[in-house]
Amino acid sequence: KQEKNVRDVIYDIASQAHIHLEHARSFSKKVPVKAYPAFFCTVALD
C-alpha cells in the first residue's frame, strides 16, 4: 500500500537517519581527516 499514512511511517524513519547524518557532520572539523575514508558510505546514504 502507498497511502499517506504508510508514507508517513517511512518519512519518520528516514528522518531519523537524516538526523544522525547531520549530527555526525556537526562536529566534522574535530574529526581527523585520516578518518574520512571510513565515512564515505554516507555518499550512498545521502
ModelCIF file with pLDDT and N, C-alpha, C, O atoms, coordinates in Angstrom:
data_MODEL
#
_entry.id   MODEL 
#
_entity.id                         1 
_entity.type                       polymer 
_entity.pdbx_number_of_molecules   1 
#
_entity_poly.entity_id                      1 
_entity_poly.type                           'polypeptide(L)' 
_entity_poly.nstd_linkage                   no 
_entity_poly.nstd_monomer                   no 
_entity_poly.pdbx_seq_one_letter_code       KQEKNVRDVIYDIASQAHIHLEHARSFSKKVPVKAYPAFFCTVALD 
_entity_poly.pdbx_seq_one_letter_code_can   KQEKNVRDVIYDIASQAHIHLEHARSFSKKVPVKAYPAFFCTVALD 
_entity_poly.pdbx_strand_id                 A 
#
loop_
_entity_poly_seq.entity_id 
_entity_poly_seq.num 
_entity_poly_seq.mon_id 
_entity_poly_seq.hetero 
1 1  LYS n 
1 2  GLN n 
1 3  GLU n 
1 4  LYS n 
1 5  ASN n 
1 6  VAL n 
1 7  ARG n 
1 8  ASP n 
1 9  VAL n 
1 10 ILE n 
1 11 TYR n 
1 12 ASP n 
1 13 ILE n 
1 14 ALA n 
1 15 SER n 
1 16 GLN n 
1 17 ALA n 
1 18 HIS n 
1 19 ILE n 
1 20 HIS n 
1 21 LEU n 
1 22 GLU n 
1 23 HIS n 
1 24 ALA n 
1 25 ARG n 
1 26 SER n 
1 27 PHE n 
1 28 SER n 
1 29 LYS n 
1 30 LYS n 
1 31 VAL n 
1 32 PRO n 
1 33 VAL n 
1 34 LYS n 
1 35 ALA n 
1 36 TYR n 
1 37 PRO n 
1 38 ALA n 
1 39 PHE n 
1 40 PHE n 
1 41 CYS n 
1 42 THR n 
1 43 VAL n 
1 44 ALA n 
1 45 LEU n 
1 46 ASP n 
#
_struct_asym.id          A 
_struct_asym.entity_id   1 
#
loop_
_ma_qa_metric.id 
_ma_qa_metric.mode 
_ma_qa_metric.name 
_ma_qa_metric.software_group_id 
_ma_qa_metric.type 
1 global pLDDT . pLDDT 
2 local  pLDDT . pLDDT 
#
_ma_qa_metric_global.metric_id      1 
_ma_qa_metric_global.metric_value   96.89 
_ma_qa_metric_global.model_id       1 
_ma_qa_metric_global.ordinal_id     1 
#
loop_
_ma_qa_metric_local.label_asym_id 
_ma_qa_metric_local.label_comp_id 
_ma_qa_metric_local.label_seq_id 
_ma_qa_metric_local.metric_id 
_ma_qa_metric_local.metric_value 
_ma_qa_metric_local.model_id 
_ma_qa_metric_local.ordinal_id 
A LYS 1  2 94.00 1 1  
A GLN 2  2 92.00 1 2  
A GLU 3  2 96.00 1 3  
A LYS 4  2 97.00 1 4  
A ASN 5  2 97.00 1 5  
A VAL 6  2 98.00 1 6  
A ARG 7  2 98.00 1 7  
A ASP 8  2 98.00 1 8  
A VAL 9  2 98.00 1 9  
A ILE 10 2 98.00 1 10 
A TYR 11 2 98.00 1 11 
A ASP 12 2 98.00 1 12 
A ILE 13 2 98.00 1 13 
A ALA 14 2 98.00 1 14 
A SER 15 2 98.00 1 15 
A GLN 16 2 98.00 1 16 
A ALA 17 2 98.00 1 17 
A HIS 18 2 98.00 1 18 
A ILE 19 2 98.00 1 19 
A HIS 20 2 98.00 1 20 
A LEU 21 2 98.00 1 21 
A GLU 22 2 98.00 1 22 
A HIS 23 2 98.00 1 23 
A ALA 24 2 98.00 1 24 
A ARG 25 2 97.00 1 25 
A SER 26 2 97.00 1 26 
A PHE 27 2 95.00 1 27 
A SER 28 2 95.00 1 28 
A LYS 29 2 94.00 1 29 
A LYS 30 2 97.00 1 30 
A VAL 31 2 97.00 1 31 
A PRO 32 2 97.00 1 32 
A VAL 33 2 95.00 1 33 
A LYS 34 2 96.00 1 34 
A ALA 35 2 97.00 1 35 
A TYR 36 2 96.00 1 36 
A PRO 37 2 96.00 1 37 
A ALA 38 2 97.00 1 38 
A PHE 39 2 97.00 1 39 
A PHE 40 2 96.00 1 40 
A CYS 41 2 96.00 1 41 
A THR 42 2 97.00 1 42 
A VAL 43 2 97.00 1 43 
A ALA 44 2 96.00 1 44 
A LEU 45 2 97.00 1 45 
A ASP 46 2 97.00 1 46 
#
loop_
_atom_site.group_PDB 
_atom_site.id 
_atom_site.type_symbol 
_atom_site.label_atom_id 
_atom_site.label_alt_id 
_atom_site.label_comp_id 
_atom_site.label_asym_id 
_atom_site.label_entity_id 
_atom_site.label_seq_id 
_atom_site.pdbx_PDB_ins_code 
_atom_site.Cartn_x 
_atom_site.Cartn_y 
_atom_site.Cartn_z 
_atom_site.occupancy 
_atom_site.B_iso_or_equiv 
_atom_site.pdbx_formal_charge 
_atom_site.auth_seq_id 
_atom_site.auth_comp_id 
_atom_site.auth_asym_id 
_atom_site.auth_atom_id 
_atom_site.pdbx_PDB_model_num 
ATOM 1   N N  . LYS A 1 1  ? 0.830  -1.199 0.000  1.00 94.00 ? 1  LYS A N  1 
ATOM 2   C CA . LYS A 1 1  ? 0.000  0.000  0.000  1.00 94.00 ? 1  LYS A CA 1 
ATOM 3   C C  . LYS A 1 1  ? 0.870  1.256  0.000  1.00 94.00 ? 1  LYS A C  1 
ATOM 4   O O  . LYS A 1 1  ? 1.978  1.264  0.537  1.00 94.00 ? 1  LYS A O  1 
ATOM 5   N N  . GLN A 1 2  ? 0.339  2.321  -0.619 1.00 92.00 ? 2  GLN A N  1 
ATOM 6   C CA . GLN A 1 2  ? 1.106  3.557  -0.765 1.00 92.00 ? 2  GLN A CA 1 
ATOM 7   C C  . GLN A 1 2  ? 0.340  4.773  -0.252 1.00 92.00 ? 2  GLN A C  1 
ATOM 8   O O  . GLN A 1 2  ? 0.605  5.900  -0.669 1.00 92.00 ? 2  GLN A O  1 
ATOM 9   N N  . GLU A 1 3  ? -0.614 4.539  0.658  1.00 96.00 ? 3  GLU A N  1 
ATOM 10  C CA . GLU A 1 3  ? -1.385 5.640  1.211  1.00 96.00 ? 3  GLU A CA 1 
ATOM 11  C C  . GLU A 1 3  ? -0.500 6.569  2.032  1.00 96.00 ? 3  GLU A C  1 
ATOM 12  O O  . GLU A 1 3  ? 0.631  6.221  2.369  1.00 96.00 ? 3  GLU A O  1 
ATOM 13  N N  . LYS A 1 4  ? -1.020 7.753  2.353  1.00 97.00 ? 4  LYS A N  1 
ATOM 14  C CA . LYS A 1 4  ? -0.231 8.766  3.046  1.00 97.00 ? 4  LYS A CA 1 
ATOM 15  C C  . LYS A 1 4  ? 0.285  8.274  4.397  1.00 97.00 ? 4  LYS A C  1 
ATOM 16  O O  . LYS A 1 4  ? 1.425  8.562  4.763  1.00 97.00 ? 4  LYS A O  1 
ATOM 17  N N  . ASN A 1 5  ? -0.539 7.539  5.138  1.00 97.00 ? 5  ASN A N  1 
ATOM 18  C CA . ASN A 1 5  ? -0.077 7.102  6.465  1.00 97.00 ? 5  ASN A CA 1 
ATOM 19  C C  . ASN A 1 5  ? 1.079  6.103  6.354  1.00 97.00 ? 5  ASN A C  1 
ATOM 20  O O  . ASN A 1 5  ? 1.938  6.043  7.233  1.00 97.00 ? 5  ASN A O  1 
ATOM 21  N N  . VAL A 1 6  ? 1.094  5.326  5.276  1.00 98.00 ? 6  VAL A N  1 
ATOM 22  C CA . VAL A 1 6  ? 2.222  4.402  5.040  1.00 98.00 ? 6  VAL A CA 1 
ATOM 23  C C  . VAL A 1 6  ? 3.477  5.206  4.724  1.00 98.00 ? 6  VAL A C  1 
ATOM 24  O O  . VAL A 1 6  ? 4.557  4.900  5.228  1.00 98.00 ? 6  VAL A O  1 
ATOM 25  N N  . ARG A 1 7  ? 3.335  6.229  3.895  1.00 98.00 ? 7  ARG A N  1 
ATOM 26  C CA . ARG A 1 7  ? 4.473  7.075  3.555  1.00 98.00 ? 7  ARG A CA 1 
ATOM 27  C C  . ARG A 1 7  ? 4.943  7.888  4.763  1.00 98.00 ? 7  ARG A C  1 
ATOM 28  O O  . ARG A 1 7  ? 6.125  8.212  4.877  1.00 98.00 ? 7  ARG A O  1 
ATOM 29  N N  . ASP A 1 8  ? 4.013  8.214  5.661  1.00 98.00 ? 8  ASP A N  1 
ATOM 30  C CA . ASP A 1 8  ? 4.392  8.945  6.877  1.00 98.00 ? 8  ASP A CA 1 
ATOM 31  C C  . ASP A 1 8  ? 5.290  8.098  7.777  1.00 98.00 ? 8  ASP A C  1 
ATOM 32  O O  . ASP A 1 8  ? 6.197  8.619  8.426  1.00 98.00 ? 8  ASP A O  1 
ATOM 33  N N  . VAL A 1 9  ? 5.032  6.793  7.811  1.00 98.00 ? 9  VAL A N  1 
ATOM 34  C CA . VAL A 1 9  ? 5.892  5.888  8.579  1.00 98.00 ? 9  VAL A CA 1 
ATOM 35  C C  . VAL A 1 9  ? 7.314  5.941  8.028  1.00 98.00 ? 9  VAL A C  1 
ATOM 36  O O  . VAL A 1 9  ? 8.279  6.069  8.782  1.00 98.00 ? 9  VAL A O  1 
ATOM 37  N N  . ILE A 1 10 ? 7.432  5.841  6.708  1.00 98.00 ? 10 ILE A N  1 
ATOM 38  C CA . ILE A 1 10 ? 8.746  5.866  6.062  1.00 98.00 ? 10 ILE A CA 1 
ATOM 39  C C  . ILE A 1 10 ? 9.416  7.215  6.279  1.00 98.00 ? 10 ILE A C  1 
ATOM 40  O O  . ILE A 1 10 ? 10.624 7.281  6.509  1.00 98.00 ? 10 ILE A O  1 
ATOM 41  N N  . TYR A 1 11 ? 8.632  8.295  6.207  1.00 98.00 ? 11 TYR A N  1 
ATOM 42  C CA . TYR A 1 11 ? 9.189  9.637  6.430  1.00 98.00 ? 11 TYR A CA 1 
ATOM 43  C C  . TYR A 1 11 ? 9.797  9.753  7.825  1.00 98.00 ? 11 TYR A C  1 
ATOM 44  O O  . TYR A 1 11 ? 10.904 10.268 7.980  1.00 98.00 ? 11 TYR A O  1 
ATOM 45  N N  . ASP A 1 12 ? 9.088  9.284  8.823  1.00 98.00 ? 12 ASP A N  1 
ATOM 46  C CA . ASP A 1 12 ? 9.582  9.378  10.203 1.00 98.00 ? 12 ASP A CA 1 
ATOM 47  C C  . ASP A 1 12 ? 10.881 8.592  10.389 1.00 98.00 ? 12 ASP A C  1 
ATOM 48  O O  . ASP A 1 12 ? 11.813 9.059  11.045 1.00 98.00 ? 12 ASP A O  1 
ATOM 49  N N  . ILE A 1 13 ? 10.930 7.401  9.808  1.00 98.00 ? 13 ILE A N  1 
ATOM 50  C CA . ILE A 1 13 ? 12.130 6.556  9.960  1.00 98.00 ? 13 ILE A CA 1 
ATOM 51  C C  . ILE A 1 13 ? 13.297 7.153  9.183  1.00 98.00 ? 13 ILE A C  1 
ATOM 52  O O  . ILE A 1 13 ? 14.418 7.207  9.688  1.00 98.00 ? 13 ILE A O  1 
ATOM 53  N N  . ALA A 1 14 ? 13.034 7.603  7.954  1.00 98.00 ? 14 ALA A N  1 
ATOM 54  C CA . ALA A 1 14 ? 14.084 8.208  7.131  1.00 98.00 ? 14 ALA A CA 1 
ATOM 55  C C  . ALA A 1 14 ? 14.605 9.493  7.782  1.00 98.00 ? 14 ALA A C  1 
ATOM 56  O O  . ALA A 1 14 ? 15.798 9.790  7.713  1.00 98.00 ? 14 ALA A O  1 
ATOM 57  N N  . SER A 1 15 ? 13.719 10.239 8.404  1.00 98.00 ? 15 SER A N  1 
ATOM 58  C CA . SER A 1 15 ? 14.122 11.476 9.077  1.00 98.00 ? 15 SER A CA 1 
ATOM 59  C C  . SER A 1 15 ? 15.115 11.202 10.194 1.00 98.00 ? 15 SER A C  1 
ATOM 60  O O  . SER A 1 15 ? 16.027 11.994 10.432 1.00 98.00 ? 15 SER A O  1 
ATOM 61  N N  . GLN A 1 16 ? 14.934 10.077 10.881 1.00 98.00 ? 16 GLN A N  1 
ATOM 62  C CA . GLN A 1 16 ? 15.854 9.727  11.956 1.00 98.00 ? 16 GLN A CA 1 
ATOM 63  C C  . GLN A 1 16 ? 17.247 9.442  11.403 1.00 98.00 ? 16 GLN A C  1 
ATOM 64  O O  . GLN A 1 16 ? 18.251 9.799  12.020 1.00 98.00 ? 16 GLN A O  1 
ATOM 65  N N  . ALA A 1 17 ? 17.306 8.803  10.247 1.00 98.00 ? 17 ALA A N  1 
ATOM 66  C CA . ALA A 1 17 ? 18.605 8.555  9.604  1.00 98.00 ? 17 ALA A CA 1 
ATOM 67  C C  . ALA A 1 17 ? 19.254 9.877  9.227  1.00 98.00 ? 17 ALA A C  1 
ATOM 68  O O  . ALA A 1 17 ? 20.455 10.060 9.423  1.00 98.00 ? 17 ALA A O  1 
ATOM 69  N N  . HIS A 1 18 ? 18.463 10.800 8.686  1.00 98.00 ? 18 HIS A N  1 
ATOM 70  C CA . HIS A 1 18 ? 18.977 12.117 8.294  1.00 98.00 ? 18 HIS A CA 1 
ATOM 71  C C  . HIS A 1 18 ? 19.513 12.873 9.506  1.00 98.00 ? 18 HIS A C  1 
ATOM 72  O O  . HIS A 1 18 ? 20.555 13.521 9.418  1.00 98.00 ? 18 HIS A O  1 
ATOM 73  N N  . ILE A 1 19 ? 18.821 12.797 10.620 1.00 98.00 ? 19 ILE A N  1 
ATOM 74  C CA . ILE A 1 19 ? 19.257 13.468 11.853 1.00 98.00 ? 19 ILE A CA 1 
ATOM 75  C C  . ILE A 1 19 ? 20.622 12.947 12.288 1.00 98.00 ? 19 ILE A C  1 
ATOM 76  O O  . ILE A 1 19 ? 21.491 13.726 12.682 1.00 98.00 ? 19 ILE A O  1 
ATOM 77  N N  . HIS A 1 20 ? 20.811 11.637 12.217 1.00 98.00 ? 20 HIS A N  1 
ATOM 78  C CA . HIS A 1 20 ? 22.096 11.054 12.617 1.00 98.00 ? 20 HIS A CA 1 
ATOM 79  C C  . HIS A 1 20 ? 23.227 11.535 11.696 1.00 98.00 ? 20 HIS A C  1 
ATOM 80  O O  . HIS A 1 20 ? 24.328 11.826 12.164 1.00 98.00 ? 20 HIS A O  1 
ATOM 81  N N  . LEU A 1 21 ? 22.954 11.619 10.394 1.00 98.00 ? 21 LEU A N  1 
ATOM 82  C CA . LEU A 1 21 ? 23.972 12.084 9.461  1.00 98.00 ? 21 LEU A CA 1 
ATOM 83  C C  . LEU A 1 21 ? 24.347 13.540 9.738  1.00 98.00 ? 21 LEU A C  1 
ATOM 84  O O  . LEU A 1 21 ? 25.525 13.898 9.745  1.00 98.00 ? 21 LEU A O  1 
ATOM 85  N N  . GLU A 1 22 ? 23.337 14.365 9.964  1.00 98.00 ? 22 GLU A N  1 
ATOM 86  C CA . GLU A 1 22 ? 23.598 15.773 10.244 1.00 98.00 ? 22 GLU A CA 1 
ATOM 87  C C  . GLU A 1 22 ? 24.365 15.949 11.548 1.00 98.00 ? 22 GLU A C  1 
ATOM 88  O O  . GLU A 1 22 ? 25.248 16.801 11.645 1.00 98.00 ? 22 GLU A O  1 
ATOM 89  N N  . HIS A 1 23 ? 24.028 15.147 12.541 1.00 98.00 ? 23 HIS A N  1 
ATOM 90  C CA . HIS A 1 23 ? 24.738 15.236 13.816 1.00 98.00 ? 23 HIS A CA 1 
ATOM 91  C C  . HIS A 1 23 ? 26.201 14.833 13.645 1.00 98.00 ? 23 HIS A C  1 
ATOM 92  O O  . HIS A 1 23 ? 27.094 15.461 14.212 1.00 98.00 ? 23 HIS A O  1 
ATOM 93  N N  . ALA A 1 24 ? 26.439 13.782 12.860 1.00 98.00 ? 24 ALA A N  1 
ATOM 94  C CA . ALA A 1 24 ? 27.813 13.330 12.626 1.00 98.00 ? 24 ALA A CA 1 
ATOM 95  C C  . ALA A 1 24 ? 28.635 14.409 11.929 1.00 98.00 ? 24 ALA A C  1 
ATOM 96  O O  . ALA A 1 24 ? 29.844 14.504 12.140 1.00 98.00 ? 24 ALA A O  1 
ATOM 97  N N  . ARG A 1 25 ? 27.985 15.218 11.104 1.00 97.00 ? 25 ARG A N  1 
ATOM 98  C CA . ARG A 1 25 ? 28.685 16.273 10.371 1.00 97.00 ? 25 ARG A CA 1 
ATOM 99  C C  . ARG A 1 25 ? 28.835 17.553 11.182 1.00 97.00 ? 25 ARG A C  1 
ATOM 100 O O  . ARG A 1 25 ? 29.655 18.407 10.846 1.00 97.00 ? 25 ARG A O  1 
ATOM 101 N N  . SER A 1 26 ? 28.058 17.689 12.236 1.00 97.00 ? 26 SER A N  1 
ATOM 102 C CA . SER A 1 26 ? 28.066 18.927 13.010 1.00 97.00 ? 26 SER A CA 1 
ATOM 103 C C  . SER A 1 26 ? 29.402 19.183 13.707 1.00 97.00 ? 26 SER A C  1 
ATOM 104 O O  . SER A 1 26 ? 29.713 20.323 14.050 1.00 97.00 ? 26 SER A O  1 
ATOM 105 N N  . PHE A 1 27 ? 30.189 18.133 13.916 1.00 95.00 ? 27 PHE A N  1 
ATOM 106 C CA . PHE A 1 27 ? 31.497 18.305 14.554 1.00 95.00 ? 27 PHE A CA 1 
ATOM 107 C C  . PHE A 1 27 ? 32.616 17.729 13.667 1.00 95.00 ? 27 PHE A C  1 
ATOM 108 O O  . PHE A 1 27 ? 33.647 17.280 14.168 1.00 95.00 ? 27 PHE A O  1 
ATOM 109 N N  . SER A 1 28 ? 32.394 17.752 12.353 1.00 95.00 ? 28 SER A N  1 
ATOM 110 C CA . SER A 1 28 ? 33.358 17.160 11.411 1.00 95.00 ? 28 SER A CA 1 
ATOM 111 C C  . SER A 1 28 ? 34.731 17.822 11.494 1.00 95.00 ? 28 SER A C  1 
ATOM 112 O O  . SER A 1 28 ? 35.740 17.177 11.210 1.00 95.00 ? 28 SER A O  1 
ATOM 113 N N  . LYS A 1 29 ? 34.786 19.094 11.877 1.00 94.00 ? 29 LYS A N  1 
ATOM 114 C CA . LYS A 1 29 ? 36.078 19.782 11.971 1.00 94.00 ? 29 LYS A CA 1 
ATOM 115 C C  . LYS A 1 29 ? 36.955 19.209 13.084 1.00 94.00 ? 29 LYS A C  1 
ATOM 116 O O  . LYS A 1 29 ? 38.171 19.404 13.091 1.00 94.00 ? 29 LYS A O  1 
ATOM 117 N N  . LYS A 1 30 ? 36.327 18.501 14.024 1.00 97.00 ? 30 LYS A N  1 
ATOM 118 C CA . LYS A 1 30 ? 37.077 17.891 15.116 1.00 97.00 ? 30 LYS A CA 1 
ATOM 119 C C  . LYS A 1 30 ? 37.546 16.472 14.774 1.00 97.00 ? 30 LYS A C  1 
ATOM 120 O O  . LYS A 1 30 ? 38.359 15.886 15.489 1.00 97.00 ? 30 LYS A O  1 
ATOM 121 N N  . VAL A 1 31 ? 37.021 15.933 13.670 1.00 97.00 ? 31 VAL A N  1 
ATOM 122 C CA . VAL A 1 31 ? 37.357 14.562 13.265 1.00 97.00 ? 31 VAL A CA 1 
ATOM 123 C C  . VAL A 1 31 ? 38.616 14.578 12.403 1.00 97.00 ? 31 VAL A C  1 
ATOM 124 O O  . VAL A 1 31 ? 38.683 15.355 11.451 1.00 97.00 ? 31 VAL A O  1 
ATOM 125 N N  . PRO A 1 32 ? 39.604 13.756 12.699 1.00 97.00 ? 32 PRO A N  1 
ATOM 126 C CA . PRO A 1 32 ? 40.827 13.715 11.882 1.00 97.00 ? 32 PRO A CA 1 
ATOM 127 C C  . PRO A 1 32 ? 40.514 13.376 10.427 1.00 97.00 ? 32 PRO A C  1 
ATOM 128 O O  . PRO A 1 32 ? 39.722 12.476 10.150 1.00 97.00 ? 32 PRO A O  1 
ATOM 129 N N  . VAL A 1 33 ? 41.136 14.098 9.506  1.00 95.00 ? 33 VAL A N  1 
ATOM 130 C CA . VAL A 1 33 ? 40.925 13.857 8.074  1.00 95.00 ? 33 VAL A CA 1 
ATOM 131 C C  . VAL A 1 33 ? 41.264 12.412 7.709  1.00 95.00 ? 33 VAL A C  1 
ATOM 132 O O  . VAL A 1 33 ? 40.688 11.844 6.782  1.00 95.00 ? 33 VAL A O  1 
ATOM 133 N N  . LYS A 1 34 ? 42.186 11.839 8.432  1.00 96.00 ? 34 LYS A N  1 
ATOM 134 C CA . LYS A 1 34 ? 42.596 10.454 8.201  1.00 96.00 ? 34 LYS A CA 1 
ATOM 135 C C  . LYS A 1 34 ? 41.431 9.480  8.364  1.00 96.00 ? 34 LYS A C  1 
ATOM 136 O O  . LYS A 1 34 ? 41.460 8.373  7.827  1.00 96.00 ? 34 LYS A O  1 
ATOM 137 N N  . ALA A 1 35 ? 40.393 9.903  9.117  1.00 97.00 ? 35 ALA A N  1 
ATOM 138 C CA . ALA A 1 35 ? 39.245 9.032  9.376  1.00 97.00 ? 35 ALA A CA 1 
ATOM 139 C C  . ALA A 1 35 ? 38.189 9.104  8.276  1.00 97.00 ? 35 ALA A C  1 
ATOM 140 O O  . ALA A 1 35 ? 37.318 8.237  8.203  1.00 97.00 ? 35 ALA A O  1 
ATOM 141 N N  . TYR A 1 36 ? 38.252 10.116 7.427  1.00 96.00 ? 36 TYR A N  1 
ATOM 142 C CA . TYR A 1 36 ? 37.191 10.353 6.444  1.00 96.00 ? 36 TYR A CA 1 
ATOM 143 C C  . TYR A 1 36 ? 36.900 9.165  5.520  1.00 96.00 ? 36 TYR A C  1 
ATOM 144 O O  . TYR A 1 36 ? 35.733 8.891  5.241  1.00 96.00 ? 36 TYR A O  1 
ATOM 145 N N  . PRO A 1 37 ? 37.927 8.454  5.037  1.00 96.00 ? 37 PRO A N  1 
ATOM 146 C CA . PRO A 1 37 ? 37.615 7.316  4.143  1.00 96.00 ? 37 PRO A CA 1 
ATOM 147 C C  . PRO A 1 37 ? 36.670 6.291  4.770  1.00 96.00 ? 37 PRO A C  1 
ATOM 148 O O  . PRO A 1 37 ? 35.937 5.613  4.049  1.00 96.00 ? 37 PRO A O  1 
ATOM 149 N N  . ALA A 1 38 ? 36.674 6.167  6.079  1.00 97.00 ? 38 ALA A N  1 
ATOM 150 C CA . ALA A 1 38 ? 35.776 5.216  6.740  1.00 97.00 ? 38 ALA A CA 1 
ATOM 151 C C  . ALA A 1 38 ? 34.321 5.659  6.637  1.00 97.00 ? 38 ALA A C  1 
ATOM 152 O O  . ALA A 1 38 ? 33.398 4.856  6.780  1.00 97.00 ? 38 ALA A O  1 
ATOM 153 N N  . PHE A 1 39 ? 34.136 6.966  6.384  1.00 97.00 ? 39 PHE A N  1 
ATOM 154 C CA . PHE A 1 39 ? 32.783 7.522  6.411  1.00 97.00 ? 39 PHE A CA 1 
ATOM 155 C C  . PHE A 1 39 ? 32.211 7.830  5.027  1.00 97.00 ? 39 PHE A C  1 
ATOM 156 O O  . PHE A 1 39 ? 31.152 8.449  4.919  1.00 97.00 ? 39 PHE A O  1 
ATOM 157 N N  . PHE A 1 40 ? 32.897 7.405  3.980  1.00 96.00 ? 40 PHE A N  1 
ATOM 158 C CA . PHE A 1 40 ? 32.400 7.692  2.635  1.00 96.00 ? 40 PHE A CA 1 
ATOM 159 C C  . PHE A 1 40 ? 31.142 6.900  2.293  1.00 96.00 ? 40 PHE A C  1 
ATOM 160 O O  . PHE A 1 40 ? 30.527 7.123  1.250  1.00 96.00 ? 40 PHE A O  1 
ATOM 161 N N  . CYS A 1 41 ? 30.763 5.977  3.171  1.00 96.00 ? 41 CYS A N  1 
ATOM 162 C CA . CYS A 1 41 ? 29.487 5.267  2.980  1.00 96.00 ? 41 CYS A CA 1 
ATOM 163 C C  . CYS A 1 41 ? 28.315 6.246  3.026  1.00 96.00 ? 41 CYS A C  1 
ATOM 164 O O  . CYS A 1 41 ? 27.219 5.930  2.562  1.00 96.00 ? 41 CYS A O  1 
ATOM 165 N N  . THR A 1 42 ? 28.549 7.441  3.589  1.00 97.00 ? 42 THR A N  1 
ATOM 166 C CA . THR A 1 42 ? 27.482 8.457  3.660  1.00 97.00 ? 42 THR A CA 1 
ATOM 167 C C  . THR A 1 42 ? 27.038 8.897  2.269  1.00 97.00 ? 42 THR A C  1 
ATOM 168 O O  . THR A 1 42 ? 25.924 9.393  2.104  1.00 97.00 ? 42 THR A O  1 
ATOM 169 N N  . VAL A 1 43 ? 27.899 8.720  1.268  1.00 97.00 ? 43 VAL A N  1 
ATOM 170 C CA . VAL A 1 43 ? 27.542 9.088  -0.103 1.00 97.00 ? 43 VAL A CA 1 
ATOM 171 C C  . VAL A 1 43 ? 26.314 8.296  -0.550 1.00 97.00 ? 43 VAL A C  1 
ATOM 172 O O  . VAL A 1 43 ? 25.361 8.861  -1.087 1.00 97.00 ? 43 VAL A O  1 
ATOM 173 N N  . ALA A 1 44 ? 26.348 6.991  -0.325 1.00 96.00 ? 44 ALA A N  1 
ATOM 174 C CA . ALA A 1 44 ? 25.222 6.129  -0.719 1.00 96.00 ? 44 ALA A CA 1 
ATOM 175 C C  . ALA A 1 44 ? 23.990 6.415  0.139  1.00 96.00 ? 44 ALA A C  1 
ATOM 176 O O  . ALA A 1 44 ? 22.863 6.354  -0.352 1.00 96.00 ? 44 ALA A O  1 
ATOM 177 N N  . LEU A 1 45 ? 24.202 6.728  1.416  1.00 97.00 ? 45 LEU A N  1 
ATOM 178 C CA . LEU A 1 45 ? 23.075 7.028  2.306  1.00 97.00 ? 45 LEU A CA 1 
ATOM 179 C C  . LEU A 1 45 ? 22.375 8.307  1.871  1.00 97.00 ? 45 LEU A C  1 
ATOM 180 O O  . LEU A 1 45 ? 21.147 8.354  1.797  1.00 97.00 ? 45 LEU A O  1 
ATOM 181 N N  . ASP A 1 46 ? 23.157 9.348  1.584  1.00 97.00 ? 46 ASP A N  1 
ATOM 182 C CA . ASP A 1 46 ? 22.585 10.612 1.123  1.00 97.00 ? 46 ASP A CA 1 
ATOM 183 C C  . ASP A 1 46 ? 21.813 10.423 -0.178 1.00 97.00 ? 46 ASP A C  1 
ATOM 184 O O  . ASP A 1 46 ? 21.262 11.384 -0.714 1.00 97.00 ? 46 ASP A O  1 
#
